Every structure is written in C-alpha cells, then in structure tokens.
Amino acid sequence: MLRRVGFIALFFVCATACGRGSGANETTTMQVKEVPLVATTQIEESIETPTTVVEQTVEVIPTTTTVDLSWVGPVHPLTGLPAYEGIPEAPAVVVKIGNNNQNSLPQHGLREADIVYEVHIEGGKSRFMAIYHSRLPEVVMPVRSARSSDIDLLLNLNHPVFAYWGSNDIVLSELQVAERGGGFDRRSASSQGSQYFDRDSSRARPANGKADTGDLQGTASNEAGTPLSIFEYGELTQNAVPAAGVQWEMAQRVVDYVWNSSLEQWIRYQDGVPHLDENRAPLTADNLLFLYVRYRISDADPSSPQAISTGAGDGWLLRDGTVTGVTWDRQRVSDDWSLFDDESGEPVPLDVGTTWVTLARPGEGRVLSSAEAIELIG
C-alpha cells in the first residue's frame, strides 16, 4: 500500500517490475526525501533469471512529505489518503480534457486529479475525464467537448460540477436531462458558466481552452455534495502477480504504463514516449484499473463510440508492481465500482492514491513482459 502523499516529479525515469520492499510497514511514519540526481533502477527479467540493471540520469523536482501510517482519522473519498485537515465539504469537479492529437500536449492539471477516466472517442483515439476533489489545480487545459459516454460516469459522484467546452445538440439534450434529474451541475464554455472559461493565447484552438477548478467548484448548487468513495481501498490481494506494465492499443494510439519502484507508481507512455505534463514531468498513477467494456454507436454522432459503463465485465487491476485479474460490477449508474478476483471471487481493493481508469474494448489490452518494458524505456 502507498505510504506517501504528493509526488516526486521526474523529467525522465526508468521503470521496474520489481515489487515494493517491506520496510515501509515497519514504522508509523515515513518521509519521502529528495531523490539523487542519478538514480539506478532495476527491471527483473523473470523470477528465475538475473536482474538487468538500467542506469539513467534523471532530473528531479525535490519533494518531502511526511505521512502518518497509524492514521485512523478521515480519508479523502476518491483516493483513500489521509485527510489531515478534514475532508473538504465541497463537491467534486469533473473536467473533460483533450487528448486527441499532439496539439493537446502537454495537458495542464492532470497530475492533481484524484481519478482520471480515459475513454474512446471518434477517430480511434481517446479523451480524459478528470475528477478533482482532494486537490484543485489553478488551471486545467485543454478543456474539450462532452460526449454521451460521460454522463453515466458522473452519476456516482454525489452531484459533481461537470465542466466541458461544448457539445453537439444531441449530447447537450442528454446532459440537460441528466442535470434536471439531479445528476450534476453543468458548466460549459458555450452556455451556462461561460465566464469561468478562457483561452490561452500561446496555444492554438481548440487545444487552448482552460478553466480554474476552484472557480468552478464555487458555482455548485445546493444539491451538490461531497463525493462518496467509488472504490474500495486496502491491502494487496494474494493472487496478485508481478507485472512490468500494460498496454492499450487503439486504432490510432498506443498507451503503455510501466512500473517504477523508486516512485512506487506506474509511468504513463503515449505512442512510445513518456507522457509529460506542463512541468515536463511524466504523468503517473498509483492504480491503473483496466476495464473491458462494451461500446455502441452514440445516438449523438454515428462516428462517435459510446462506452457502456454499467453491467459487468473483465479487467485488470495494476498496483504495487503487480497485476490481478478482476471482474468488475456496476449495475446502476449510481453504484460504485465493485471489483472481484477472477480466481477466488473475493473483493479486490485498490491502493490508496491516484487512479487512472481505462475503458477499453475487449482484446485491446495486454500485460507487458519485462523485455518489452526495457525496450520501451530505452
């Protein structure tokens, strides 16, 4: 289980499939210190064979954070991490963030998200839906248009504020119906709440739309409430096995996540290179939840796929340098996500920390071998 808050941002890092050491369980507090400018990481070729050591220079943004491991107080609902100053009595803010071409890069504010959904859009690519509660970035960019897939993913967050740039008329009608039903507060650059959106003059349209999550959170109606947890958090399950990473291959994009034991996180790669944020630091996740879902043609656009995020299906949970085969279950849009070990049938909890959720079509994902991870990181 994760033992820290915050992050250590790297310009470029090596990845490893090694599991975490047990020493973090031996104390009641842990301090994450500054990382040396030259770090050595290891990738295990297999359990039976010697370890290959890859040495590489990294540039570090120093971070020092102390976490009380004996904490029994409140925890943030969307990360499971200690809420030392109490749980914010405010709604979640959900923002659609572009990822459909190079002009979208780098995204601003993705690192601060508690949960990030990545969902198919038209053209064989994907788009992010980032959920903020424990941390609110000053700027999120590029803010892009809504899709029909978004609505069902909003309805278990206890009436969040949903921010997006615009939509076509059919999606707009779907959003209005869901909003009138008490699902969320809708804020759009093209209609209600347009004053909370702006454009960055240094970037080209449409990848320059930006918004401030704090401003948006302040517009919440009286119906909006503090989000409840949509995942269970806990210790690693017995059926988890070491994993170097996982790959999601779409028609026009390939996304990889590779385990890094120094950060104790999964490093995201996009189209074969590290996916960097606005500070030139690789984007990372503590949990990667890889769910296979059904897609149908959206009523709003025959070229747009719509994710069906209710029902049940197969998937993987990647955490702590391991992978566990799971079955997911979410029968109603108001339900949280239930995960069960596909061997034992026992519940499977997430690690505390950030979670990125991939909604993939069956057959689009595969677990990476150690050799493939080594080749990816160069």
Protein backbone atom coordinates (compact mmCIF):
# COMPACT_ATOMS: atom_id res chain seq x y z
CA MET A 1 0.00 0.00 0.00
CA LEU A 2 1.17 3.51 -0.76
CA ARG A 3 2.88 5.27 2.09
CA ARG A 4 3.09 8.85 0.87
CA VAL A 5 1.20 11.91 -0.29
CA GLY A 6 2.29 14.14 -3.13
CA PHE A 7 4.75 13.17 -5.84
CA ILE A 8 8.33 13.23 -6.96
CA ALA A 9 8.35 14.65 -10.46
CA LEU A 10 10.95 13.41 -12.89
CA PHE A 11 11.95 14.61 -16.31
CA PHE A 12 12.53 11.03 -17.37
CA VAL A 13 12.63 7.89 -15.31
CA CYS A 14 13.50 4.24 -15.63
CA ALA A 15 10.78 1.71 -14.93
CA THR A 16 10.84 -1.51 -12.98
CA ALA A 17 8.69 -4.55 -12.44
CA CYS A 18 10.22 -5.18 -9.00
CA GLY A 19 7.77 -5.27 -6.08
CA ARG A 20 7.93 -2.89 -3.15
CA GLY A 21 10.12 -3.56 -0.18
CA SER A 22 8.56 -4.47 3.14
CA GLY A 23 10.40 -1.85 5.18
CA ALA A 24 7.63 0.73 4.78
CA ASN A 25 5.41 -1.36 7.06
CA GLU A 26 7.85 -1.24 9.96
CA THR A 27 7.36 2.38 11.05
CA THR A 28 4.44 4.61 11.84
CA THR A 29 5.67 7.49 9.73
CA MET A 30 7.57 7.77 6.50
CA GLN A 31 9.43 10.65 4.94
CA VAL A 32 9.88 10.83 1.18
CA LYS A 33 13.22 12.57 0.71
CA GLU A 34 14.83 14.25 -2.26
CA VAL A 35 15.91 11.76 -4.89
CA PRO A 36 19.55 11.75 -6.08
CA LEU A 37 20.19 13.30 -9.46
CA VAL A 38 21.48 9.93 -10.68
CA ALA A 39 19.19 7.02 -9.91
CA THR A 40 19.67 3.33 -10.65
CA THR A 41 16.58 1.25 -11.25
CA GLN A 42 16.11 -2.42 -11.92
CA ILE A 43 13.85 -4.46 -14.12
CA GLU A 44 13.55 -8.15 -13.33
CA GLU A 45 13.71 -10.26 -16.47
CA SER A 46 11.92 -13.07 -14.62
CA ILE A 47 11.80 -14.65 -11.21
CA GLU A 48 14.37 -17.24 -12.21
CA THR A 49 16.88 -15.13 -14.12
CA PRO A 50 19.37 -12.44 -13.03
CA THR A 51 18.30 -8.82 -12.89
CA THR A 52 19.13 -6.41 -15.68
CA VAL A 53 20.20 -3.02 -14.31
CA VAL A 54 19.47 0.09 -16.36
CA GLU A 55 21.23 3.25 -15.19
CA GLN A 56 20.00 6.62 -16.29
CA THR A 57 20.29 10.26 -15.23
CA VAL A 58 17.09 11.89 -14.04
CA GLU A 59 16.22 15.48 -13.26
CA VAL A 60 14.29 15.79 -10.01
CA ILE A 61 11.89 18.32 -8.59
CA PRO A 62 12.57 17.77 -4.85
CA THR A 63 9.59 16.87 -2.70
CA THR A 64 9.50 16.00 1.00
CA THR A 65 6.28 14.68 2.51
CA THR A 66 5.58 13.03 5.85
CA VAL A 67 2.72 10.54 6.17
CA ASP A 68 1.42 9.11 9.44
CA LEU A 69 0.93 5.39 8.84
CA SER A 70 -1.06 4.97 12.04
CA TRP A 71 -3.68 7.48 10.87
CA VAL A 72 -7.21 6.44 11.85
CA GLY A 73 -8.92 9.73 11.03
CA PRO A 74 -10.86 10.78 7.92
CA VAL A 75 -9.58 9.91 4.46
CA HIS A 76 -10.21 11.53 1.12
CA PRO A 77 -13.09 9.64 -0.53
CA LEU A 78 -11.60 9.50 -4.03
CA THR A 79 -8.03 8.49 -3.05
CA GLY A 80 -8.24 6.84 0.36
CA LEU A 81 -5.33 9.03 1.53
CA PRO A 82 -5.35 10.69 4.97
CA ALA A 83 -7.35 13.91 5.12
CA TYR A 84 -5.23 15.60 7.77
CA GLU A 85 -7.17 18.85 7.54
CA GLY A 86 -10.51 17.10 7.20
CA ILE A 87 -12.47 16.07 4.13
CA PRO A 88 -13.32 19.14 2.02
CA GLU A 89 -17.05 19.77 2.34
CA ALA A 90 -17.36 20.55 -1.32
CA PRO A 91 -18.38 18.68 -4.47
CA ALA A 92 -16.05 17.04 -6.91
CA VAL A 93 -15.19 18.95 -10.07
CA VAL A 94 -15.07 16.89 -13.26
CA VAL A 95 -13.38 18.30 -16.36
CA LYS A 96 -13.19 16.96 -19.91
CA ILE A 97 -9.57 17.23 -21.07
CA GLY A 98 -8.38 16.83 -24.64
CA ASN A 99 -6.03 14.07 -25.74
CA ASN A 100 -6.93 13.52 -29.36
CA ASN A 101 -3.79 14.94 -31.07
CA GLN A 102 -0.35 16.43 -30.46
CA ASN A 103 -1.84 19.89 -30.11
CA SER A 104 -3.39 18.72 -26.85
CA LEU A 105 0.06 18.25 -25.30
CA PRO A 106 1.02 18.99 -22.67
CA GLN A 107 -2.12 18.81 -20.59
CA HIS A 108 -2.29 21.09 -17.55
CA GLY A 109 -3.70 19.89 -14.24
CA LEU A 110 -3.93 16.15 -14.90
CA ARG A 111 -1.49 15.28 -12.13
CA GLU A 112 -3.74 16.79 -9.46
CA ALA A 113 -6.75 14.63 -10.40
CA ASP A 114 -7.86 12.01 -7.89
CA ILE A 115 -9.32 9.84 -10.66
CA VAL A 116 -8.87 10.01 -14.44
CA TYR A 117 -11.09 8.11 -16.87
CA GLU A 118 -9.74 7.54 -20.36
CA VAL A 119 -12.43 6.71 -22.91
CA HIS A 120 -12.60 6.08 -26.65
CA ILE A 121 -13.74 8.90 -28.88
CA GLU A 122 -14.07 9.06 -32.66
CA GLY A 123 -11.03 8.58 -34.89
CA GLY A 124 -9.52 5.70 -32.91
CA LYS A 125 -8.22 7.93 -30.11
CA SER A 126 -9.19 8.84 -26.55
CA ARG A 127 -10.15 11.68 -24.24
CA PHE A 128 -9.76 12.20 -20.50
CA MET A 129 -12.37 12.92 -17.87
CA ALA A 130 -10.51 14.11 -14.76
CA ILE A 131 -12.12 14.16 -11.30
CA TYR A 132 -10.82 16.62 -8.71
CA HIS A 133 -11.60 16.80 -5.01
CA SER A 134 -8.60 16.42 -2.69
CA ARG A 135 -6.54 18.84 -4.83
CA LEU A 136 -7.65 21.62 -7.16
CA PRO A 137 -5.22 22.86 -9.83
CA GLU A 138 -5.33 26.53 -10.75
CA VAL A 139 -5.52 25.75 -14.46
CA VAL A 140 -6.89 22.77 -16.37
CA MET A 141 -6.20 22.68 -20.11
CA PRO A 142 -7.21 21.85 -22.79
CA VAL A 143 -10.86 21.73 -21.82
CA ARG A 144 -12.78 19.97 -24.57
CA SER A 145 -16.30 18.95 -25.52
CA ALA A 146 -18.55 16.43 -23.79
CA ARG A 147 -19.59 13.03 -25.10
CA SER A 148 -22.51 10.73 -24.33
CA SER A 149 -20.13 8.34 -22.52
CA ASP A 150 -19.51 10.97 -19.83
CA ILE A 151 -22.96 11.04 -18.30
CA ASP A 152 -23.04 7.59 -16.69
CA LEU A 153 -19.54 8.13 -15.26
CA LEU A 154 -20.72 11.26 -13.42
CA LEU A 155 -23.71 9.80 -11.65
CA ASN A 156 -21.99 8.05 -8.71
CA LEU A 157 -20.13 11.19 -7.53
CA ASN A 158 -22.93 12.75 -5.43
CA HIS A 159 -23.79 15.60 -7.77
CA PRO A 160 -20.43 16.99 -9.01
CA VAL A 161 -19.76 20.10 -11.07
CA PHE A 162 -19.15 18.99 -14.67
CA ALA A 163 -17.07 21.35 -16.81
CA TYR A 164 -16.66 20.98 -20.56
CA TRP A 165 -16.19 23.29 -23.52
CA GLY A 166 -19.30 22.47 -25.52
CA SER A 167 -21.18 19.65 -27.23
CA ASN A 168 -23.38 18.90 -30.19
CA ASP A 169 -27.13 19.39 -29.83
CA ILE A 170 -27.98 15.75 -29.02
CA VAL A 171 -25.32 15.46 -26.31
CA LEU A 172 -26.49 18.82 -24.95
CA SER A 173 -30.03 17.47 -24.69
CA GLU A 174 -28.77 14.34 -22.90
CA LEU A 175 -26.79 16.47 -20.46
CA GLN A 176 -29.76 18.73 -19.77
CA VAL A 177 -31.98 15.75 -18.99
CA ALA A 178 -29.40 14.29 -16.60
CA GLU A 179 -28.87 17.67 -14.92
CA ARG A 180 -32.61 18.17 -14.39
CA GLY A 181 -32.68 14.71 -12.81
CA GLY A 182 -30.22 15.89 -10.17
CA GLY A 183 -27.13 14.21 -11.58
CA PHE A 184 -24.69 17.14 -11.66
CA ASP A 185 -24.24 20.86 -12.20
CA ARG A 186 -23.35 21.55 -15.82
CA ARG A 187 -20.84 24.30 -16.68
CA SER A 188 -19.91 24.94 -20.31
CA ALA A 189 -17.83 27.50 -22.17
CA SER A 190 -20.59 27.69 -24.77
CA SER A 191 -23.55 28.20 -22.43
CA GLN A 192 -24.16 28.17 -18.69
CA GLY A 193 -21.00 29.20 -16.80
CA SER A 194 -19.07 30.53 -19.80
CA GLN A 195 -17.47 33.25 -17.65
CA TYR A 196 -15.37 30.59 -15.90
CA PHE A 197 -13.60 29.57 -19.11
CA ASP A 198 -10.88 31.29 -21.09
CA ARG A 199 -8.37 30.66 -23.85
CA ASP A 200 -4.58 30.54 -23.62
CA SER A 201 -3.20 32.89 -26.29
CA SER A 202 0.04 30.90 -26.52
CA ARG A 203 -1.74 27.84 -27.92
CA ALA A 204 -3.86 27.21 -31.00
CA ARG A 205 -7.57 26.48 -30.93
CA PRO A 206 -9.24 24.21 -29.98
CA ALA A 207 -6.48 22.94 -27.67
CA ASN A 208 -6.20 26.18 -25.67
CA GLY A 209 -9.42 26.20 -23.67
CA LYS A 210 -8.75 26.48 -19.93
CA ALA A 211 -10.63 26.66 -16.66
CA ASP A 212 -9.96 27.09 -12.93
CA THR A 213 -11.34 24.21 -10.86
CA GLY A 214 -11.61 26.41 -7.75
CA ASP A 215 -13.81 28.90 -9.56
CA LEU A 216 -15.94 26.10 -10.94
CA GLN A 217 -16.32 24.40 -7.57
CA GLY A 218 -17.58 27.69 -6.17
CA THR A 219 -20.51 27.65 -8.62
CA ALA A 220 -22.00 24.43 -7.19
CA SER A 221 -25.70 24.38 -6.39
CA ASN A 222 -27.19 23.42 -3.04
CA GLU A 223 -27.82 19.95 -4.42
CA ALA A 224 -24.10 19.26 -4.86
CA GLY A 225 -22.49 17.18 -2.13
CA THR A 226 -19.14 15.82 -1.02
CA PRO A 227 -18.36 12.75 -3.14
CA LEU A 228 -18.53 9.29 -1.64
CA SER A 229 -15.89 6.68 -2.35
CA ILE A 230 -16.45 4.83 -5.61
CA PHE A 231 -13.66 2.28 -4.97
CA GLU A 232 -12.63 0.11 -2.04
CA TYR A 233 -9.09 0.65 -0.73
CA GLY A 234 -7.00 -1.92 1.10
CA GLU A 235 -4.06 -4.30 1.10
CA LEU A 236 -2.72 -6.21 -1.90
CA THR A 237 -4.54 -9.47 -2.63
CA GLN A 238 -2.81 -12.85 -2.55
CA ASN A 239 -3.45 -13.62 -6.22
CA ALA A 240 -1.59 -10.52 -7.46
CA VAL A 241 1.46 -11.39 -9.57
CA PRO A 242 4.45 -9.19 -10.57
CA ALA A 243 3.90 -7.17 -13.75
CA ALA A 244 6.17 -4.87 -15.74
CA GLY A 245 3.28 -2.93 -17.21
CA VAL A 246 0.28 -2.97 -19.50
CA GLN A 247 -0.52 -1.72 -23.00
CA TRP A 248 -3.72 -0.34 -24.51
CA GLU A 249 -3.66 -0.34 -28.31
CA MET A 250 -6.29 1.70 -30.12
CA ALA A 251 -6.66 2.23 -33.85
CA GLN A 252 -4.66 5.50 -33.77
CA ARG A 253 -2.92 5.45 -30.39
CA VAL A 254 -0.88 3.17 -28.12
CA VAL A 255 -0.79 3.81 -24.36
CA ASP A 256 1.60 1.99 -22.01
CA TYR A 257 2.02 2.05 -18.24
CA VAL A 258 5.32 0.80 -16.80
CA TRP A 259 6.05 0.20 -13.10
CA ASN A 260 8.71 2.30 -11.38
CA SER A 261 9.80 1.01 -7.97
CA SER A 262 11.52 4.25 -6.93
CA LEU A 263 8.33 6.25 -7.33
CA GLU A 264 6.11 3.28 -6.45
CA GLN A 265 3.89 4.34 -9.33
CA TRP A 266 3.04 3.49 -12.91
CA ILE A 267 4.62 5.78 -15.52
CA ARG A 268 2.41 6.60 -18.48
CA TYR A 269 3.74 6.40 -22.06
CA GLN A 270 1.81 7.61 -25.08
CA ASP A 271 2.73 6.48 -28.60
CA GLY A 272 6.06 5.16 -27.37
CA VAL A 273 7.31 8.20 -25.40
CA PRO A 274 6.78 9.36 -21.79
CA HIS A 275 3.57 11.35 -21.45
CA LEU A 276 4.75 14.61 -19.84
CA ASP A 277 2.75 17.24 -18.01
CA GLU A 278 3.11 21.03 -18.19
CA ASN A 279 6.23 20.83 -15.99
CA ARG A 280 7.89 18.28 -18.27
CA ALA A 281 7.37 15.58 -15.64
CA PRO A 282 5.98 12.14 -16.57
CA LEU A 283 2.36 11.53 -15.65
CA THR A 284 1.97 8.73 -13.11
CA ALA A 285 -0.73 6.74 -11.33
CA ASP A 286 -0.81 4.67 -8.16
CA ASN A 287 -3.53 2.41 -9.56
CA LEU A 288 -4.32 1.52 -13.13
CA LEU A 289 -7.75 -0.02 -13.47
CA PHE A 290 -8.03 -1.57 -16.91
CA LEU A 291 -11.68 -2.41 -17.59
CA TYR A 292 -13.12 -4.09 -20.64
CA VAL A 293 -16.47 -2.53 -21.55
CA ARG A 294 -18.88 -2.63 -24.45
CA TYR A 295 -19.09 0.32 -26.85
CA ARG A 296 -22.04 1.15 -29.08
CA ILE A 297 -22.60 3.84 -31.68
CA SER A 298 -23.60 7.08 -29.99
CA ASP A 299 -27.05 8.48 -30.74
CA ALA A 300 -25.38 11.88 -30.95
CA ASP A 301 -22.92 11.05 -33.71
CA PRO A 302 -22.60 7.88 -35.82
CA SER A 303 -18.81 8.28 -35.82
CA SER A 304 -18.61 8.52 -32.03
CA PRO A 305 -18.39 5.40 -29.82
CA GLN A 306 -20.34 5.41 -26.55
CA ALA A 307 -18.99 3.45 -23.58
CA ILE A 308 -21.43 1.28 -21.63
CA SER A 309 -20.05 1.59 -18.10
CA THR A 310 -22.77 -0.36 -16.29
CA GLY A 311 -23.23 -4.10 -16.09
CA ALA A 312 -20.24 -6.38 -15.58
CA GLY A 313 -17.05 -7.40 -17.35
CA ASP A 314 -13.44 -8.46 -17.09
CA GLY A 315 -10.34 -6.40 -16.43
CA TRP A 316 -7.09 -5.97 -14.55
CA LEU A 317 -6.03 -4.02 -11.52
CA LEU A 318 -2.39 -2.91 -11.60
CA ARG A 319 -0.99 -1.73 -8.26
CA ASP A 320 2.21 -2.14 -6.25
CA GLY A 321 4.07 -3.51 -9.30
CA THR A 322 1.54 -6.33 -9.73
CA VAL A 323 -1.48 -7.26 -11.79
CA THR A 324 -4.65 -9.02 -10.64
CA GLY A 325 -7.30 -10.34 -12.98
CA VAL A 326 -10.66 -8.94 -11.92
CA THR A 327 -14.33 -8.97 -12.71
CA TRP A 328 -15.98 -5.56 -12.43
CA ASP A 329 -19.61 -5.00 -11.50
CA ARG A 330 -21.68 -1.78 -11.60
CA GLN A 331 -25.35 -2.47 -12.20
CA ARG A 332 -26.67 1.08 -11.85
CA VAL A 333 -25.16 4.43 -12.74
CA SER A 334 -25.41 5.45 -9.09
CA ASP A 335 -23.38 2.42 -7.95
CA ASP A 336 -19.71 2.49 -7.11
CA TRP A 337 -17.28 0.12 -8.84
CA SER A 338 -17.09 -3.38 -7.34
CA LEU A 339 -14.05 -5.49 -8.20
CA PHE A 340 -13.68 -9.22 -7.58
CA ASP A 341 -10.73 -11.55 -8.02
CA ASP A 342 -11.50 -13.64 -11.09
CA GLU A 343 -9.92 -16.69 -9.43
CA SER A 344 -11.17 -16.54 -5.84
CA GLY A 345 -14.20 -14.29 -6.24
CA GLU A 346 -13.03 -12.24 -3.26
CA PRO A 347 -13.26 -8.41 -3.33
CA VAL A 348 -10.17 -6.68 -4.75
CA PRO A 349 -9.25 -3.32 -3.20
CA LEU A 350 -7.20 -0.52 -4.75
CA ASP A 351 -4.07 1.01 -3.29
CA VAL A 352 -4.58 4.43 -1.76
CA GLY A 353 -3.64 7.25 -4.10
CA THR A 354 -4.49 8.29 -7.63
CA THR A 355 -6.36 6.02 -10.02
CA TRP A 356 -6.46 6.06 -13.80
CA VAL A 357 -9.30 4.03 -15.32
CA THR A 358 -9.01 2.76 -18.88
CA LEU A 359 -12.29 1.82 -20.57
CA ALA A 360 -11.11 -0.48 -23.34
CA ARG A 361 -12.81 -2.73 -25.81
CA PRO A 362 -12.19 -6.47 -25.30
CA GLY A 363 -8.93 -7.52 -26.92
CA GLU A 364 -7.30 -4.09 -26.89
CA GLY A 365 -5.09 -4.64 -23.85
CA ARG A 366 -2.21 -6.88 -22.87
CA VAL A 367 0.25 -7.19 -20.00
CA LEU A 368 3.81 -6.22 -20.95
CA SER A 369 6.77 -8.52 -20.45
CA SER A 370 9.91 -7.25 -18.70
CA ALA A 371 11.76 -7.27 -22.02
CA GLU A 372 9.08 -5.08 -23.61
CA ALA A 373 9.26 -2.66 -20.70
CA ILE A 374 13.04 -2.42 -21.05
CA GLU A 375 12.71 -1.72 -24.77
CA LEU A 376 10.06 0.94 -24.15
CA ILE A 377 12.13 2.93 -21.67
CA GLY A 378 15.14 2.73 -23.99
